[in-house]
Amino acid sequence: MTRDARTTHGGWFWNRPLRTKIVALLLFVGIAFAVVGGAGAVVLQRAGAHLEEMADLTNELQSSMAEIQVQQQRSHLLVRRAAAADPATRDQLLTTVAWVDADVASRVDVVEGYDLSDTPQWQDFRTRWDAWVAYRDGTLLPLVKAGDTAGFEVAVAADVAADPDWAGRALGLAEGQVRAGVDAILARSAGEIRVTILALGVAFVVAALVAVVVTTGLMRRVAASVRTMVASIEALARGDLTVTPQVVVGDELGRMALALGEAQHNLRTTMAGVAEASGTVAAAAEQLSAASRQVATGAQETSAQAGVAAGAAGDVDQHVQSVSAGAEQMGASIREIAQNAAEAAKVAQAATAAADEAGVTVQRLGESSQEIGNVVKLITQIAEQTNLLALNATIEAARAGEAGKGFAVVAGEVKELAQETAKATEDIARRVEAIQGDTAGAVEAIGQIEGIVRSINDYQTSIASAVEEQTATTTEMARGMSDVASGSAQIRTAVSEVAQVASSSSSALVQVETSVSELAQMSEDLRERTAAFTY
């Protein structure tokens, strides 16, 4: 398996790193939700603005029509009032009629500005209003200005347009038509909003489905990569190096699988090399075993030569026996001297230890006795002061009479405390006596130490006399040994050389046998370890 294998699995997206895929998925979901939410917000905002515009339109139309109806009725009322008023008031009312006409004209322009001129009810109102204005200006106002009240009443009754109720009916019908149109517009807007919401819902579901599909694919590929690596790792734990992980995608998990496969390949190569090396080691062990057998043969020959040399040395041994007897006596004397010297050393050590302990004990006892004496003196002073205080307290209590009874009780307690202090002082004195007895024991121990030291001196005297006797004996033996030494020098040299050769051969044989054993063990261990793996 090579690193180029990663490009042969999956598409471009699936070979991206896990972080890139997760971030891309999150970005897609976020952008989709943002687009859907933004579009919904825009649609709802536009619908709200449209509804608000329609509400303003309805309010303005209703307000204008209501004002037109009011002004139309006002126009009729002003004309009637002008007909019955005096000339001065009549002129003012006629001026107001002109202002009402202007206001109605402006309101009519507002209503017609919303393209309602084709409404039948509105056209009926315009016709009747224009007829009323023409009849009013051509017939009624001249009668009003002439002061012909009777003629004015006849003229009003003769024309239906002079009735103010027709305007309310016509405008009411027109307003109902406007409401119907507005309701139709609102219904269309609500339908558009529902369609938009449905489209947004479909887009949301599609985005969610795409996210689910991509997430499922990602999870499936990750699970496949993990499964193949788990299988390879479990096989590796069992010692099987032949289960190679399959590279599913080229992301981090794919690279991990690729690296694991390469590691298994390298490990298989290493195990094969180890097995081969163990075979080589086994062959080398066989060669070393043969070499050790040859060395053993040489060692046997050397041992035979050493036997010959030992026979020659036996003759010399007979001449040396007499010297050995004297040497034994000298050894016995020397052992006795050594034993006495050891005993003397032990005694000296014991004396030293006893003397040290006695000195420390006497020193501590002296210091303790001195400290105790100081404490006893201090306690004695305190007891005396306490007695004086008790005596003074008793005197003061007697002077105080009845009021001093409590103080007298306290004085009595202080007196008892002084007595207890005296008892404690006596106890301390007894303890000081005991310490003095210990001091006497220490003096006795020191006397024993002096006796031990005298014994050491006696042993040393005996040792000195024995050493003098052994000195003379050693001198005689030295003379005899000098004669023997010249004859046995050559024999000692030959035996030493033979012994060295035999020792060297034996050591080499031991080392070779040890090495062969270790190599054989190592070879067996390597074979067992490599046999545990399948490669």
Protein backbone atom coordinates (compact mmCIF):
# COMPACT_ATOMS: atom_id res chain seq x y z
CA MET A 1 0.00 0.00 0.00
CA THR A 2 1.39 3.43 -0.98
CA ARG A 3 0.42 6.95 -0.15
CA ASP A 4 -0.95 7.42 -3.68
CA ALA A 5 -3.78 5.05 -2.81
CA ARG A 6 -5.61 7.75 -0.95
CA THR A 7 -6.59 9.47 -4.21
CA THR A 8 -8.41 6.40 -5.56
CA HIS A 9 -11.13 6.26 -2.90
CA GLY A 10 -14.25 8.47 -2.93
CA GLY A 11 -14.71 11.80 -4.64
CA TRP A 12 -13.04 15.11 -4.19
CA PHE A 13 -15.25 16.11 -1.24
CA TRP A 14 -14.84 12.83 0.65
CA ASN A 15 -11.03 13.05 0.37
CA ARG A 16 -10.99 16.41 2.15
CA PRO A 17 -9.96 16.57 5.84
CA LEU A 18 -12.65 15.87 8.44
CA ARG A 19 -12.56 19.46 9.62
CA THR A 20 -13.14 20.74 6.09
CA LYS A 21 -16.08 18.39 5.53
CA ILE A 22 -17.71 19.23 8.85
CA VAL A 23 -17.20 22.97 8.33
CA ALA A 24 -18.57 22.71 4.77
CA LEU A 25 -21.63 20.84 6.03
CA LEU A 26 -22.24 23.40 8.76
CA LEU A 27 -21.77 26.26 6.30
CA PHE A 28 -24.23 24.68 3.86
CA VAL A 29 -26.85 24.18 6.55
CA GLY A 30 -26.26 27.67 7.93
CA ILE A 31 -26.42 29.32 4.50
CA ALA A 32 -29.55 27.34 3.54
CA PHE A 33 -31.31 28.26 6.76
CA ALA A 34 -30.14 31.86 6.43
CA VAL A 35 -31.44 32.06 2.84
CA VAL A 36 -34.76 30.49 3.77
CA GLY A 37 -35.13 32.68 6.83
CA GLY A 38 -34.05 35.80 4.95
CA ALA A 39 -36.44 35.13 2.11
CA GLY A 40 -39.26 34.51 4.58
CA ALA A 41 -38.42 37.71 6.42
CA VAL A 42 -38.40 39.70 3.15
CA VAL A 43 -41.72 38.23 2.05
CA LEU A 44 -43.32 38.84 5.41
CA GLN A 45 -41.93 42.38 5.47
CA ARG A 46 -43.32 43.09 2.00
CA ALA A 47 -46.67 41.58 2.95
CA GLY A 48 -46.76 43.70 6.08
CA ALA A 49 -45.91 46.83 4.11
CA HIS A 50 -48.60 45.98 1.56
CA LEU A 51 -51.15 45.37 4.28
CA GLU A 52 -50.18 48.61 5.96
CA GLU A 53 -50.55 50.44 2.64
CA MET A 54 -53.96 48.90 2.12
CA ALA A 55 -54.99 49.91 5.65
CA ASP A 56 -53.86 53.48 4.95
CA LEU A 57 -55.76 53.43 1.65
CA THR A 58 -58.90 52.14 3.31
CA ASN A 59 -58.68 54.69 6.09
CA GLU A 60 -58.09 57.57 3.68
CA LEU A 61 -60.89 56.51 1.36
CA GLN A 62 -63.32 56.01 4.23
CA SER A 63 -62.28 59.32 5.75
CA SER A 64 -62.68 61.18 2.41
CA MET A 65 -66.07 59.61 1.66
CA ALA A 66 -67.33 60.35 5.16
CA GLU A 67 -66.14 63.95 4.85
CA ILE A 68 -67.79 64.24 1.41
CA GLN A 69 -71.07 63.00 2.88
CA VAL A 70 -70.82 65.45 5.75
CA GLN A 71 -69.95 68.36 3.48
CA GLN A 72 -72.77 67.42 1.06
CA GLN A 73 -75.31 67.50 3.88
CA ARG A 74 -73.73 70.70 5.15
CA SER A 75 -74.11 72.25 1.67
CA HIS A 76 -77.86 71.56 1.71
CA LEU A 77 -78.17 72.86 5.26
CA LEU A 78 -76.26 76.07 4.47
CA VAL A 79 -78.49 76.80 1.47
CA ARG A 80 -81.64 76.36 3.56
CA ARG A 81 -80.19 78.56 6.35
CA ALA A 82 -79.21 81.22 3.78
CA ALA A 83 -82.76 81.25 2.43
CA ALA A 84 -84.15 82.04 5.90
CA ALA A 85 -81.37 84.42 7.05
CA ASP A 86 -81.05 88.16 6.85
CA PRO A 87 -78.89 89.65 4.09
CA ALA A 88 -75.72 90.00 6.17
CA THR A 89 -75.87 86.45 7.49
CA ARG A 90 -76.88 85.23 4.05
CA ASP A 91 -73.65 86.48 2.49
CA GLN A 92 -71.57 84.73 5.16
CA LEU A 93 -73.44 81.46 4.65
CA LEU A 94 -73.03 81.65 0.89
CA THR A 95 -69.28 82.19 1.39
CA THR A 96 -69.24 79.05 3.54
CA VAL A 97 -71.08 77.18 0.78
CA ALA A 98 -68.30 78.09 -1.64
CA TRP A 99 -65.67 76.80 0.85
CA VAL A 100 -67.67 73.54 1.22
CA ASP A 101 -67.70 73.10 -2.54
CA ALA A 102 -63.93 73.52 -2.64
CA ASP A 103 -63.45 70.94 0.18
CA VAL A 104 -65.73 68.43 -1.55
CA ALA A 105 -63.79 68.95 -4.79
CA SER A 106 -60.47 68.18 -3.02
CA ARG A 107 -61.97 65.06 -1.39
CA VAL A 108 -63.32 63.91 -4.74
CA ASP A 109 -59.83 64.25 -6.22
CA VAL A 110 -58.45 62.08 -3.38
CA VAL A 111 -60.99 59.34 -3.97
CA GLU A 112 -60.55 59.37 -7.74
CA GLY A 113 -56.78 59.29 -7.24
CA TYR A 114 -57.17 55.62 -6.18
CA ASP A 115 -58.67 54.69 -9.56
CA LEU A 116 -62.27 54.32 -8.38
CA SER A 117 -63.82 56.35 -11.20
CA ASP A 118 -65.23 53.24 -12.86
CA THR A 119 -67.23 52.25 -9.76
CA PRO A 120 -70.99 52.55 -10.60
CA GLN A 121 -71.88 53.77 -7.13
CA TRP A 122 -69.22 56.45 -7.28
CA GLN A 123 -70.33 57.54 -10.76
CA ASP A 124 -73.91 57.82 -9.48
CA PHE A 125 -72.70 60.05 -6.66
CA ARG A 126 -70.72 62.28 -9.05
CA THR A 127 -73.74 62.66 -11.35
CA ARG A 128 -76.07 63.51 -8.51
CA TRP A 129 -73.53 65.91 -6.93
CA ASP A 130 -72.92 67.74 -10.18
CA ALA A 131 -76.69 67.94 -10.76
CA TRP A 132 -77.18 69.30 -7.26
CA VAL A 133 -74.48 71.95 -7.69
CA ALA A 134 -75.93 72.99 -11.07
CA TYR A 135 -79.50 73.10 -9.76
CA ARG A 136 -78.36 74.90 -6.59
CA ASP A 137 -76.32 77.52 -8.43
CA GLY A 138 -78.82 77.98 -11.28
CA THR A 139 -82.10 77.83 -9.40
CA LEU A 140 -81.83 77.89 -5.60
CA LEU A 141 -79.14 80.50 -5.00
CA PRO A 142 -80.80 83.16 -7.21
CA LEU A 143 -84.02 82.69 -5.20
CA VAL A 144 -82.02 82.92 -1.96
CA LYS A 145 -80.31 86.09 -3.07
CA ALA A 146 -83.69 87.58 -4.15
CA GLY A 147 -85.24 86.75 -0.79
CA ASP A 148 -87.99 84.67 -2.40
CA THR A 149 -88.59 82.18 0.36
CA ALA A 150 -91.77 80.78 -1.07
CA GLY A 151 -90.21 80.25 -4.46
CA PHE A 152 -87.17 78.62 -2.78
CA GLU A 153 -89.35 76.04 -0.99
CA VAL A 154 -91.23 75.21 -4.17
CA ALA A 155 -87.91 74.81 -6.08
CA VAL A 156 -86.45 72.55 -3.37
CA ALA A 157 -89.48 70.28 -3.38
CA ALA A 158 -89.50 70.09 -7.18
CA ASP A 159 -86.01 68.44 -7.54
CA VAL A 160 -85.00 65.06 -6.10
CA ALA A 161 -81.31 66.16 -6.07
CA ALA A 162 -82.18 68.61 -3.36
CA ASP A 163 -82.76 65.65 -0.99
CA PRO A 164 -79.58 65.12 1.06
CA ASP A 165 -80.22 61.41 1.76
CA TRP A 166 -79.32 60.28 -1.74
CA ALA A 167 -75.65 61.17 -1.16
CA GLY A 168 -75.43 58.99 1.96
CA ARG A 169 -76.91 56.03 0.12
CA ALA A 170 -74.67 56.45 -2.90
CA LEU A 171 -71.51 56.93 -0.82
CA GLY A 172 -72.44 54.00 1.41
CA LEU A 173 -72.73 51.76 -1.62
CA ALA A 174 -69.43 53.11 -2.97
CA GLU A 175 -67.72 52.53 0.37
CA GLY A 176 -69.03 48.96 0.40
CA GLN A 177 -67.59 48.48 -3.07
CA VAL A 178 -64.24 49.84 -1.86
CA ARG A 179 -64.27 47.46 1.08
CA ALA A 180 -65.03 44.56 -1.22
CA GLY A 181 -62.08 45.53 -3.45
CA VAL A 182 -59.79 45.86 -0.44
CA ASP A 183 -60.91 42.46 0.86
CA ALA A 184 -60.16 40.93 -2.52
CA ILE A 185 -56.70 42.48 -2.49
CA LEU A 186 -56.11 41.23 1.07
CA ALA A 187 -57.23 37.74 0.06
CA ARG A 188 -54.77 37.74 -2.84
CA SER A 189 -52.00 38.93 -0.48
CA ALA A 190 -52.82 36.18 2.04
CA GLY A 191 -52.70 33.62 -0.77
CA GLU A 192 -49.33 34.89 -1.91
CA ILE A 193 -48.05 34.71 1.67
CA ARG A 194 -49.27 31.12 2.00
CA VAL A 195 -47.61 30.15 -1.28
CA THR A 196 -44.39 31.84 -0.18
CA ILE A 197 -44.43 30.11 3.22
CA LEU A 198 -45.05 26.76 1.50
CA ALA A 199 -42.11 27.38 -0.86
CA LEU A 200 -39.90 28.33 2.06
CA GLY A 201 -40.98 25.19 3.92
CA VAL A 202 -40.16 23.04 0.90
CA ALA A 203 -36.75 24.73 0.59
CA PHE A 204 -36.13 24.16 4.30
CA VAL A 205 -37.04 20.47 4.00
CA VAL A 206 -34.82 20.06 0.93
CA ALA A 207 -31.87 21.70 2.74
CA ALA A 208 -32.47 19.48 5.78
CA LEU A 209 -32.63 16.37 3.57
CA VAL A 210 -29.38 17.32 1.83
CA ALA A 211 -27.73 17.89 5.23
CA VAL A 212 -29.02 14.51 6.48
CA VAL A 213 -27.79 12.74 3.33
CA VAL A 214 -24.33 14.33 3.55
CA THR A 215 -24.11 13.67 7.29
CA THR A 216 -25.16 10.05 6.82
CA GLY A 217 -22.57 9.57 4.07
CA LEU A 218 -19.89 11.16 6.22
CA MET A 219 -20.77 9.00 9.22
CA ARG A 220 -20.88 5.86 7.06
CA ARG A 221 -17.42 6.53 5.62
CA VAL A 222 -15.97 7.40 9.03
CA ALA A 223 -17.47 4.21 10.51
CA ALA A 224 -16.05 2.14 7.61
CA SER A 225 -12.57 3.63 8.14
CA VAL A 226 -12.77 3.00 11.89
CA ARG A 227 -13.99 -0.59 11.39
CA THR A 228 -11.17 -1.53 9.03
CA MET A 229 -8.56 0.00 11.36
CA VAL A 230 -10.10 -1.74 14.41
CA ALA A 231 -9.96 -5.08 12.57
CA SER A 232 -6.30 -4.52 11.68
CA ILE A 233 -5.39 -3.44 15.24
CA GLU A 234 -7.22 -6.42 16.79
CA ALA A 235 -5.40 -8.77 14.40
CA LEU A 236 -2.12 -7.06 15.31
CA ALA A 237 -2.90 -7.66 19.00
CA ARG A 238 -3.30 -11.37 18.17
CA GLY A 239 0.04 -11.37 16.34
CA ASP A 240 -1.43 -11.42 12.83
CA LEU A 241 0.32 -8.91 10.58
CA THR A 242 -1.44 -9.93 7.38
CA VAL A 243 -4.73 -8.04 8.00
CA THR A 244 -4.09 -4.74 6.22
CA PRO A 245 -6.58 -1.85 6.73
CA GLN A 246 -8.44 -0.64 3.64
CA VAL A 247 -8.27 3.07 2.81
CA VAL A 248 -11.92 4.20 2.42
CA VAL A 249 -11.36 7.96 2.01
CA GLY A 250 -8.38 10.25 1.86
CA ASP A 251 -9.03 12.22 5.06
CA GLU A 252 -7.28 11.90 8.42
CA LEU A 253 -8.79 8.45 9.04
CA GLY A 254 -7.67 7.34 5.59
CA ARG A 255 -4.15 8.58 6.26
CA MET A 256 -4.22 6.75 9.61
CA ALA A 257 -5.23 3.52 7.84
CA LEU A 258 -2.48 4.08 5.27
CA ALA A 259 0.12 4.67 7.98
CA LEU A 260 -1.06 1.56 9.88
CA GLY A 261 -0.69 -0.52 6.72
CA GLU A 262 2.82 0.81 6.16
CA ALA A 263 3.68 0.08 9.81
CA GLN A 264 2.43 -3.51 9.40
CA HIS A 265 4.50 -3.89 6.24
CA ASN A 266 7.62 -2.59 8.00
CA LEU A 267 6.92 -4.86 10.98
CA ARG A 268 6.54 -7.89 8.68
CA THR A 269 9.90 -7.04 7.11
CA THR A 270 11.46 -6.69 10.56
CA MET A 271 10.01 -10.00 11.78
CA ALA A 272 11.36 -11.77 8.70
CA GLY A 273 14.78 -10.26 9.38
CA VAL A 274 14.60 -11.35 13.01
CA ALA A 275 13.73 -14.92 11.98
CA GLU A 276 16.64 -14.99 9.57
CA ALA A 277 18.95 -13.56 12.25
CA SER A 278 17.83 -16.24 14.71
CA GLY A 279 18.82 -18.93 12.19
CA THR A 280 22.20 -17.28 11.77
CA VAL A 281 22.66 -17.17 15.54
CA ALA A 282 21.79 -20.87 15.80
CA ALA A 283 24.49 -21.73 13.22
CA ALA A 284 27.03 -19.61 15.09
CA ALA A 285 26.12 -21.42 18.30
CA GLU A 286 26.88 -24.76 16.65
CA GLN A 287 30.30 -23.46 15.55
CA LEU A 288 31.06 -22.18 19.03
CA SER A 289 30.05 -25.54 20.48
CA ALA A 290 32.57 -27.30 18.24
CA ALA A 291 35.25 -24.81 19.26
CA SER A 292 34.48 -25.42 22.94
CA ARG A 293 34.96 -29.17 22.45
CA GLN A 294 38.39 -28.53 20.98
CA VAL A 295 39.28 -26.33 23.92
CA ALA A 296 38.13 -29.10 26.29
CA THR A 297 40.50 -31.54 24.60
CA GLY A 298 43.40 -29.12 25.08
CA ALA A 299 42.46 -28.67 28.71
CA GLN A 300 42.63 -32.44 29.26
CA GLU A 301 46.13 -32.58 27.84
CA THR A 302 47.17 -29.73 30.05
CA SER A 303 45.75 -31.53 33.07
CA ALA A 304 47.90 -34.56 32.24
CA GLN A 305 51.02 -32.41 32.17
CA ALA A 306 50.02 -30.85 35.43
CA GLY A 307 49.81 -34.42 36.92
CA VAL A 308 53.42 -35.08 35.93
CA ALA A 309 54.50 -31.86 37.53
CA ALA A 310 52.57 -32.75 40.67
CA GLY A 311 54.55 -36.04 40.97
CA ALA A 312 57.80 -34.14 40.90
CA ALA A 313 56.49 -31.75 43.47
CA GLY A 314 55.69 -34.75 45.78
CA ASP A 315 59.36 -35.45 46.24
CA VAL A 316 59.95 -31.95 47.31
CA ASP A 317 57.00 -32.19 49.71
CA GLN A 318 58.71 -34.98 51.69
CA HIS A 319 61.73 -32.78 52.36
CA VAL A 320 59.49 -29.98 53.49
CA GLN A 321 57.44 -32.03 56.01
CA SER A 322 59.94 -31.52 58.79
CA VAL A 323 59.74 -27.83 58.18
CA SER A 324 55.93 -28.08 58.17
CA ALA A 325 55.95 -29.60 61.66
CA GLY A 326 57.89 -26.66 62.98
CA ALA A 327 55.58 -24.38 61.08
CA GLU A 328 52.59 -26.03 62.73
CA GLN A 329 54.06 -25.39 66.16
CA MET A 330 54.76 -21.85 65.23
CA GLY A 331 51.21 -21.53 63.88
CA ALA A 332 49.79 -22.86 67.16
CA SER A 333 51.83 -20.38 69.14
CA ILE A 334 50.88 -17.60 66.84
CA ARG A 335 47.17 -18.59 67.11
CA GLU A 336 47.47 -18.50 70.88
CA ILE A 337 49.07 -15.11 70.69
CA ALA A 338 46.33 -13.92 68.34
CA GLN A 339 43.65 -15.28 70.63
CA ASN A 340 45.17 -13.57 73.64
CA ALA A 341 45.51 -10.39 71.68
CA ALA A 342 41.86 -10.62 70.66
CA GLU A 343 40.76 -11.18 74.22
CA ALA A 344 42.88 -8.25 75.30
CA ALA A 345 41.29 -6.09 72.63
CA LYS A 346 37.80 -7.14 73.72
CA VAL A 347 38.61 -6.40 77.32
CA ALA A 348 40.08 -3.05 76.38
CA GLN A 349 36.96 -2.21 74.35
CA ALA A 350 34.74 -3.21 77.23
CA ALA A 351 36.80 -1.14 79.61
CA THR A 352 36.62 1.84 77.32
CA ALA A 353 32.86 1.53 76.89
CA ALA A 354 32.32 1.10 80.63
CA ALA A 355 34.53 4.07 81.41
CA ASP A 356 32.66 6.22 78.85
CA GLU A 357 29.27 5.21 80.20
CA ALA A 358 30.39 5.79 83.75
CA GLY A 359 31.72 9.23 82.87
CA VAL A 360 28.50 10.19 81.10
CA THR A 361 26.43 8.86 83.96
CA VAL A 362 28.43 10.68 86.60
CA GLN A 363 28.31 13.88 84.55
CA ARG A 364 24.52 13.66 84.08
CA LEU A 365 24.04 12.85 87.72
CA GLY A 366 26.13 15.83 88.74
CA GLU A 367 24.18 18.13 86.46
CA SER A 368 20.87 16.69 87.60
CA SER A 369 21.80 17.02 91.27
CA GLN A 370 22.83 20.62 90.73
CA GLU A 371 19.60 21.45 88.85
CA ILE A 372 17.50 19.71 91.47
CA GLY A 373 19.29 21.64 94.20
CA ASN A 374 18.47 24.87 92.46
CA VAL A 375 14.84 23.85 92.10
CA VAL A 376 14.67 22.85 95.77
CA LYS A 377 16.06 26.21 96.78
CA LEU A 378 13.50 28.01 94.61
CA ILE A 379 10.66 25.91 96.00
CA THR A 380 11.87 26.60 99.53
CA GLN A 381 11.86 30.34 98.88
CA ILE A 382 8.36 30.12 97.37
CA ALA A 383 7.15 28.14 100.39
CA GLU A 384 8.57 30.72 102.78
CA GLN A 385 6.97 33.59 100.85
CA THR A 386 3.70 31.67 100.75
CA ASN A 387 3.78 31.21 104.54
CA LEU A 388 4.43 34.93 104.98
CA LEU A 389 1.56 35.76 102.63
CA ALA A 390 -0.72 33.37 104.52
CA LEU A 391 0.28 34.92 107.84
CA ASN A 392 -0.34 38.44 106.52
CA ALA A 393 -3.65 37.35 105.04
CA THR A 394 -4.73 35.89 108.37
CA ILE A 395 -3.82 39.10 110.18
CA GLU A 396 -5.68 41.22 107.62
CA ALA A 397 -8.70 38.94 107.86
CA ALA A 398 -8.75 39.27 111.64
CA ARG A 399 -8.66 43.05 111.32
CA ALA A 400 -11.46 43.05 108.82
CA GLY A 401 -13.73 41.13 111.14
CA GLU A 402 -16.93 39.80 109.58
CA ALA A 403 -16.01 41.14 106.11
CA GLY A 404 -12.67 39.32 106.16
CA LYS A 405 -14.09 35.81 106.65
CA GLY A 406 -13.88 35.07 102.95
CA PHE A 407 -10.38 36.40 102.85
CA ALA A 408 -9.53 34.19 105.86
CA VAL A 409 -10.75 31.17 103.89
CA VAL A 410 -8.45 32.13 101.02
CA ALA A 411 -5.57 32.53 103.48
CA GLY A 412 -6.27 29.05 104.82
CA GLU A 413 -6.13 27.62 101.34
CA VAL A 414 -2.84 29.41 100.72
CA LYS A 415 -1.49 27.94 103.94
CA GLU A 416 -2.53 24.47 102.83
CA LEU A 417 -0.80 25.11 99.51
CA ALA A 418 2.38 26.03 101.40
CA GLN A 419 2.16 22.78 103.34
CA GLU A 420 1.77 20.78 100.15
CA THR A 421 4.78 22.63 98.75
CA ALA A 422 6.80 21.58 101.81
CA LYS A 423 5.76 17.98 101.25
CA ALA A 424 6.85 18.22 97.61
CA THR A 425 10.19 19.61 98.77
CA GLU A 426 10.67 16.61 101.04
CA ASP A 427 9.85 14.30 98.14
CA ILE A 428 12.42 16.03 95.99
CA ALA A 429 14.99 15.65 98.77
CA ARG A 430 14.36 11.92 98.81
CA ARG A 431 14.85 11.79 95.08
CA VAL A 432 18.13 13.67 95.46
CA GLU A 433 19.22 11.01 97.91
CA ALA A 434 18.37 8.34 95.34
CA ILE A 435 20.44 10.17 92.78
CA GLN A 436 23.33 10.24 95.22
CA GLY A 437 22.97 6.48 95.55
CA ASP A 438 23.19 6.19 91.77
CA THR A 439 26.31 8.27 91.93
CA ALA A 440 27.81 5.80 94.38
CA GLY A 441 26.96 3.00 91.95
CA ALA A 442 28.70 4.90 89.21
CA VAL A 443 31.80 5.16 91.39
CA GLU A 444 31.69 1.41 91.95
CA ALA A 445 31.41 0.85 88.18
CA ILE A 446 34.43 2.98 87.64
CA GLY A 447 36.30 0.81 90.13
CA GLN A 448 35.34 -2.29 88.14
CA ILE A 449 36.63 -0.63 85.03
CA GLU A 450 39.95 -0.09 86.73
CA GLY A 451 40.10 -3.81 87.56
CA ILE A 452 39.40 -4.69 83.94
CA VAL A 453 42.18 -2.42 82.83
CA ARG A 454 44.60 -4.19 85.20
CA SER A 455 43.54 -7.55 83.72
CA ILE A 456 44.30 -6.21 80.28
CA ASN A 457 47.77 -5.32 81.41
CA ASP A 458 48.33 -8.91 82.68
CA TYR A 459 47.21 -10.37 79.32
CA GLN A 460 49.49 -8.06 77.49
CA THR A 461 52.45 -9.21 79.62
CA SER A 462 51.73 -12.89 78.78
CA ILE A 463 51.46 -12.07 75.12
CA ALA A 464 54.81 -10.34 75.18
CA SER A 465 56.59 -13.39 76.66
CA ALA A 466 54.94 -15.73 74.10
CA VAL A 467 55.98 -13.49 71.28
CA GLU A 468 59.60 -13.69 72.44
CA GLU A 469 59.50 -17.52 72.39
CA GLN A 470 57.98 -17.60 68.89
CA THR A 471 60.61 -15.25 67.66
CA ALA A 472 63.35 -17.73 68.45
CA THR A 473 61.45 -20.62 66.84
CA THR A 474 60.79 -18.61 63.72
CA THR A 475 64.46 -17.86 63.37
CA GLU A 476 65.37 -21.58 63.34
CA MET A 477 62.68 -22.37 60.81
CA ALA A 478 63.86 -19.59 58.58
CA ARG A 479 67.32 -21.18 58.41
CA GLY A 480 65.85 -24.55 57.36
CA MET A 481 63.49 -23.04 54.84
CA SER A 482 66.29 -21.21 53.09
CA ASP A 483 68.01 -24.52 52.29
CA VAL A 484 64.76 -26.02 50.94
CA ALA A 485 63.84 -22.96 48.92
CA SER A 486 66.84 -23.20 46.60
CA GLY A 487 65.94 -26.79 45.65
CA SER A 488 62.24 -26.33 45.13
CA ALA A 489 62.44 -23.05 43.15
CA GLN A 490 62.53 -24.79 39.74
CA ILE A 491 59.69 -27.13 40.71
CA ARG A 492 57.50 -24.26 41.85
CA THR A 493 58.16 -22.39 38.60
CA ALA A 494 57.15 -25.37 36.42
CA VAL A 495 54.05 -26.16 38.46
CA SER A 496 53.02 -22.47 38.39
CA GLU A 497 53.29 -22.31 34.61
CA VAL A 498 51.32 -25.50 34.17
CA ALA A 499 48.69 -24.29 36.62
CA GLN A 500 48.37 -20.98 34.77
CA VAL A 501 47.87 -22.75 31.44
CA ALA A 502 45.29 -25.10 32.90
CA SER A 503 43.49 -22.21 34.61
CA SER A 504 43.44 -20.16 31.42
CA SER A 505 42.12 -23.11 29.42
CA SER A 506 39.45 -23.84 32.00
CA SER A 507 38.38 -20.20 32.12
CA ALA A 508 38.20 -20.03 28.34
CA LEU A 509 36.21 -23.26 28.26
CA VAL A 510 33.76 -21.91 30.84
CA GLN A 511 33.33 -18.67 28.91
CA VAL A 512 32.84 -20.50 25.63
CA GLU A 513 30.28 -22.86 27.13
CA THR A 514 28.46 -19.90 28.70
CA SER A 515 28.44 -18.02 25.40
CA VAL A 516 27.20 -21.06 23.52
CA SER A 517 24.42 -21.56 26.07
CA GLU A 518 23.40 -17.92 25.88
CA LEU A 519 23.43 -17.91 22.10
CA ALA A 520 21.34 -21.06 21.98
CA GLN A 521 18.88 -19.57 24.45
CA MET A 522 18.71 -16.32 22.48
CA SER A 523 18.12 -18.22 19.24
CA GLU A 524 15.34 -20.25 20.83
CA ASP A 525 13.80 -17.11 22.31
CA LEU A 526 13.88 -15.37 18.94
CA ARG A 527 12.25 -18.35 17.23
CA GLU A 528 9.50 -18.48 19.87
CA ARG A 529 8.83 -14.74 19.65
CA THR A 530 8.72 -14.67 15.85
CA ALA A 531 6.57 -17.81 15.77
CA ALA A 532 3.89 -15.91 17.73
CA PHE A 533 3.33 -13.62 14.70
CA THR A 534 1.75 -14.36 11.34
CA TYR A 535 3.48 -12.44 8.56
